[in-house]
């Protein structure tokens, strides 16, 4: 399960890296909660919540709808 989530995150990461940021997978719980850490420019960006929900979470839910329920930042 964690490997599948990491594969999808790897698709999103180039867009984050283009803006000087990145994300790392921290954990995937049994109930579908994905914990990520935004780093670099994304860690301090005022738009990080939008990036998290409309970018990362949306992509994960589209590609892994049976596994991912929510994405949270830690």
Protein backbone atom coordinates (compact mmCIF):
# COMPACT_ATOMS: atom_id res chain seq x y z
CA UNK A 1 0.00 0.00 0.00
CA UNK A 2 2.76 2.43 0.96
CA UNK A 3 4.63 1.61 -2.25
CA UNK A 4 1.57 2.44 -4.37
CA UNK A 5 1.16 5.79 -2.64
CA UNK A 6 4.86 6.55 -3.11
CA UNK A 7 4.59 5.84 -6.84
CA UNK A 8 1.77 8.38 -7.21
CA UNK A 9 3.64 10.94 -5.09
CA UNK A 10 6.58 10.54 -7.45
CA UNK A 11 4.30 11.77 -10.25
CA UNK A 12 3.44 14.93 -8.29
CA UNK A 13 6.93 15.71 -7.02
CA UNK A 14 8.37 17.28 -10.22
CA UNK A 15 5.75 20.05 -10.06
CA UNK A 16 6.62 20.74 -6.42
CA UNK A 17 10.34 20.64 -7.13
CA UNK A 18 9.92 23.11 -10.00
CA UNK A 19 8.76 25.65 -7.41
CA UNK A 20 11.60 24.87 -4.98
CA UNK A 21 9.65 22.49 -2.76
CA UNK A 22 9.08 18.79 -2.28
CA UNK A 23 7.08 16.30 -0.27
CA UNK A 24 7.97 13.13 1.53
CA UNK A 25 5.73 10.27 2.52
CA UNK A 26 5.63 9.82 6.29
CA UNK A 27 2.96 7.15 6.75
CA UNK A 28 -0.11 5.47 5.30
CA UNK A 29 -2.59 4.30 7.92
CA UNK A 30 -4.85 1.27 7.63
CA UNK A 31 -7.89 3.56 7.35
CA UNK A 32 -6.55 5.43 4.31
CA UNK A 33 -4.99 8.51 5.90
CA UNK A 34 -1.80 9.51 4.10
CA UNK A 35 0.64 11.63 6.10
CA UNK A 36 3.12 13.74 4.15
CA UNK A 37 5.71 16.35 5.04
CA UNK A 38 6.04 19.34 2.73
CA UNK A 39 9.64 20.55 2.54
CA UNK A 40 11.60 23.37 0.96
CA UNK A 41 9.53 26.25 -0.36
CA UNK A 42 6.34 24.20 0.09
CA UNK A 43 6.92 23.92 3.84
CA UNK A 44 6.54 27.65 4.40
CA UNK A 45 4.29 28.60 1.49
CA UNK A 46 0.92 30.19 2.36
CA UNK A 47 -0.64 28.12 -0.44
CA UNK A 48 0.60 24.81 0.96
CA UNK A 49 -2.90 23.79 2.09
CA UNK A 50 -4.17 24.21 -1.47
CA UNK A 51 -1.21 22.25 -2.80
CA UNK A 52 -1.88 19.50 -0.28
CA UNK A 53 -5.63 19.18 -0.89
CA UNK A 54 -6.10 20.19 -4.53
CA UNK A 55 -2.85 18.74 -5.82
CA UNK A 56 -1.53 15.86 -3.78
CA UNK A 57 -4.78 14.59 -2.23
CA UNK A 58 -6.76 14.96 -5.47
CA UNK A 59 -4.17 13.03 -7.47
CA UNK A 60 -3.90 10.25 -4.89
CA UNK A 61 -7.69 9.86 -4.67
CA UNK A 62 -8.00 9.77 -8.46
CA UNK A 63 -5.34 7.10 -8.89
CA UNK A 64 -5.91 5.09 -5.68
CA UNK A 65 -9.58 5.65 -4.76
CA UNK A 66 -9.84 2.37 -2.86
CA UNK A 67 -6.82 3.16 -0.66
CA UNK A 68 -6.72 6.91 0.01
CA UNK A 69 -9.37 8.70 2.07
CA UNK A 70 -7.46 11.83 3.11
CA UNK A 71 -4.02 13.43 2.99
CA UNK A 72 -2.71 15.30 6.03
CA UNK A 73 0.41 17.35 6.59
CA UNK A 74 2.70 16.54 9.52
